[in-house]
Amino acid sequence: MWFERRSRSFRRERNCEEQAPAPPRQGGVFGYLRQAAKQPPKKAAFSSRHWTVEVSAELSTRLRRAARARARSPEMLVNDILERGLEQETLRVHAEHALASLTPREQEVTWLAARGQTNHQIADALVISSETVKSHIHNVLLKFGLRSKSDLRLLLLDLGMRWWQDDTA
């Protein structure tokens, strides 16, 4: 997907770009397929007040179906998807900065906490006291802006950060 400013309306673009190529007079189905293969992929555009989003024909069809199922316009659905995507990207960037700011010991505690281990299990694994684990967990949660270890685990799972899982399993 790419974004660019446009002045054309959604209806004009949709009508122009959804037309199938005319089949050639010779060659039958194979001639038609050869001609279709030579043409650039079809695009559809969804416009908002400021931007036009161009997507492939397949994605356009899927967006229209999803919008219809939710009784919304495709433009509103695209807007919602982009908003959620930008929120997710903001969370990811914040989490990456928080991860980069962790000390090596805080990283170890985070990995073990994200795997669901208790403070006592983490303390045993790292040969430190439970109070030290609590202190590290507190610092990690502050850096991520979270309230609990379960929030930390959910955040890391939501962002696709599964680096704490064993490769041997």
Protein backbone atom coordinates (compact mmCIF):
# COMPACT_ATOMS: atom_id res chain seq x y z
CA MET A 1 0.00 0.00 0.00
CA TRP A 2 1.13 3.52 -0.56
CA PHE A 3 -0.38 6.90 0.10
CA GLU A 4 -0.55 9.93 -2.07
CA ARG A 5 -2.69 13.02 -2.31
CA ARG A 6 -5.29 12.91 -5.03
CA SER A 7 -8.12 15.10 -6.21
CA ARG A 8 -10.13 12.46 -8.08
CA SER A 9 -13.16 11.03 -6.38
CA PHE A 10 -13.39 7.43 -5.18
CA ARG A 11 -16.25 6.62 -7.57
CA ARG A 12 -14.36 7.73 -10.67
CA GLU A 13 -11.26 5.76 -9.70
CA ARG A 14 -13.27 2.66 -8.83
CA ASN A 15 -15.20 2.78 -12.10
CA CYS A 16 -12.06 3.34 -14.18
CA GLU A 17 -9.88 0.77 -12.49
CA GLU A 18 -12.32 -2.10 -12.02
CA GLN A 19 -12.97 -2.55 -15.73
CA ALA A 20 -11.66 -5.85 -17.08
CA PRO A 21 -9.48 -5.82 -20.20
CA ALA A 22 -11.33 -6.63 -23.40
CA PRO A 23 -10.56 -10.16 -24.59
CA PRO A 24 -8.60 -10.35 -27.85
CA ARG A 25 -10.33 -11.67 -30.95
CA GLN A 26 -7.76 -14.42 -31.47
CA GLY A 27 -6.24 -16.79 -28.97
CA GLY A 28 -9.34 -17.61 -26.91
CA VAL A 29 -8.85 -17.95 -23.17
CA PHE A 30 -5.07 -18.17 -23.44
CA GLY A 31 -4.92 -14.98 -25.48
CA TYR A 32 -7.08 -13.25 -22.88
CA LEU A 33 -4.79 -14.46 -20.08
CA ARG A 34 -1.68 -13.31 -21.98
CA GLN A 35 -3.21 -9.86 -22.43
CA ALA A 36 -4.28 -9.68 -18.77
CA ALA A 37 -0.79 -10.74 -17.63
CA LYS A 38 0.82 -7.91 -19.62
CA GLN A 39 -1.30 -5.28 -17.87
CA PRO A 40 -0.24 -3.83 -14.53
CA PRO A 41 -2.17 -5.17 -11.52
CA LYS A 42 -5.53 -3.54 -10.97
CA LYS A 43 -5.74 -1.11 -8.11
CA ALA A 44 -8.65 0.29 -6.17
CA ALA A 45 -8.58 3.49 -4.19
CA PHE A 46 -10.25 4.41 -0.93
CA SER A 47 -10.37 8.15 -0.28
CA SER A 48 -10.69 10.18 2.86
CA ARG A 49 -10.66 13.95 3.13
CA HIS A 50 -6.89 14.08 2.89
CA TRP A 51 -5.49 10.85 1.50
CA THR A 52 -6.14 8.17 -1.07
CA VAL A 53 -5.06 4.62 -0.30
CA GLU A 54 -4.42 2.36 -3.27
CA VAL A 55 -4.71 -1.38 -2.76
CA SER A 56 -4.65 -4.49 -4.94
CA ALA A 57 -7.90 -5.78 -6.43
CA GLU A 58 -7.89 -8.77 -4.05
CA LEU A 59 -7.44 -6.57 -0.99
CA SER A 60 -10.08 -4.20 -2.30
CA THR A 61 -12.57 -7.07 -2.52
CA ARG A 62 -11.72 -8.22 1.00
CA LEU A 63 -12.10 -4.67 2.34
CA ARG A 64 -15.49 -4.27 0.68
CA ARG A 65 -16.70 -7.59 2.13
CA ALA A 66 -15.46 -6.70 5.61
CA ALA A 67 -17.05 -3.25 5.40
CA ARG A 68 -20.34 -4.74 4.24
CA ALA A 69 -20.28 -7.25 7.12
CA ARG A 70 -19.83 -4.37 9.57
CA ALA A 71 -22.40 -2.15 7.83
CA ARG A 72 -19.77 0.51 7.20
CA SER A 73 -18.29 2.14 4.15
CA PRO A 74 -14.94 0.82 2.89
CA GLU A 75 -13.45 4.26 3.48
CA MET A 76 -14.47 4.22 7.16
CA LEU A 77 -13.11 0.69 7.57
CA VAL A 78 -9.77 1.69 5.98
CA ASN A 79 -9.64 4.71 8.29
CA ASP A 80 -10.24 2.50 11.36
CA ILE A 81 -7.64 -0.03 10.22
CA LEU A 82 -5.05 2.69 9.65
CA GLU A 83 -5.78 4.25 13.05
CA ARG A 84 -5.37 0.90 14.79
CA GLY A 85 -2.21 0.20 12.81
CA LEU A 86 -0.70 3.55 13.76
CA GLU A 87 -1.61 2.98 17.42
CA GLN A 88 0.02 -0.45 17.24
CA GLU A 89 3.13 1.05 15.65
CA THR A 90 3.31 3.70 18.38
CA LEU A 91 3.10 0.96 21.02
CA ARG A 92 5.78 -1.05 19.24
CA VAL A 93 8.17 1.91 19.06
CA HIS A 94 7.56 2.72 22.74
CA ALA A 95 8.17 -0.94 23.67
CA GLU A 96 11.38 -1.05 21.63
CA HIS A 97 12.65 2.07 23.41
CA ALA A 98 11.69 0.57 26.77
CA LEU A 99 13.45 -2.71 25.87
CA ALA A 100 16.56 -0.82 24.81
CA SER A 101 16.62 1.04 28.13
CA LEU A 102 16.55 -2.16 30.22
CA THR A 103 19.71 -3.26 31.99
CA PRO A 104 20.96 -6.77 31.17
CA ARG A 105 19.56 -8.06 34.50
CA GLU A 106 16.20 -6.36 33.87
CA GLN A 107 16.11 -8.05 30.45
CA GLU A 108 16.65 -11.45 32.05
CA VAL A 109 13.92 -10.78 34.61
CA THR A 110 11.60 -9.54 31.84
CA TRP A 111 12.17 -12.68 29.75
CA LEU A 112 11.43 -14.95 32.69
CA ALA A 113 8.42 -12.90 33.82
CA ALA A 114 7.04 -12.91 30.28
CA ARG A 115 7.33 -16.71 30.27
CA GLY A 116 4.97 -16.71 33.25
CA GLN A 117 7.43 -17.50 36.03
CA THR A 118 6.75 -16.32 39.57
CA ASN A 119 9.09 -13.97 41.39
CA HIS A 120 10.39 -16.89 43.47
CA GLN A 121 11.10 -18.96 40.32
CA ILE A 122 12.87 -15.99 38.73
CA ALA A 123 14.94 -15.48 41.91
CA ASP A 124 15.95 -19.15 41.93
CA ALA A 125 16.84 -19.13 38.23
CA LEU A 126 18.98 -15.98 38.49
CA VAL A 127 20.34 -16.70 41.98
CA ILE A 128 19.09 -13.42 43.44
CA SER A 129 16.62 -12.61 46.22
CA SER A 130 12.87 -12.29 45.66
CA GLU A 131 13.09 -8.67 46.81
CA THR A 132 15.64 -7.94 44.06
CA VAL A 133 13.29 -9.55 41.52
CA LYS A 134 10.45 -7.34 42.79
CA SER A 135 12.68 -4.29 42.39
CA HIS A 136 13.62 -5.26 38.82
CA ILE A 137 9.99 -5.99 37.95
CA HIS A 138 8.96 -2.62 39.38
CA ASN A 139 11.60 -0.82 37.26
CA VAL A 140 10.62 -2.74 34.12
CA LEU A 141 6.92 -1.96 34.60
CA LEU A 142 7.74 1.73 35.09
CA LYS A 143 9.78 1.81 31.88
CA PHE A 144 6.95 0.17 29.94
CA GLY A 145 4.24 2.20 31.70
CA LEU A 146 2.43 -0.95 32.88
CA ARG A 147 0.88 -2.13 36.16
CA SER A 148 1.53 -5.88 36.30
CA LYS A 149 3.59 -8.74 34.90
CA SER A 150 0.51 -10.02 33.09
CA ASP A 151 0.19 -6.63 31.36
CA LEU A 152 3.85 -6.93 30.35
CA ARG A 153 3.29 -10.41 28.92
CA LEU A 154 0.18 -9.29 27.01
CA LEU A 155 1.98 -6.26 25.60
CA LEU A 156 4.91 -8.36 24.39
CA LEU A 157 2.57 -10.98 22.92
CA ASP A 158 0.47 -8.31 21.17
CA LEU A 159 3.58 -6.85 19.63
CA GLY A 160 4.74 -10.25 18.44
CA MET A 161 7.77 -10.25 20.72
CA ARG A 162 8.14 -13.91 21.54
CA TRP A 163 11.89 -13.82 22.08
CA TRP A 164 11.55 -15.35 25.55
CA GLN A 165 10.25 -18.69 24.23
CA ASP A 166 12.54 -21.70 24.25
CA ASP A 167 13.81 -22.79 20.85
CA THR A 168 14.19 -26.32 22.20
CA ALA A 169 10.46 -26.83 22.83
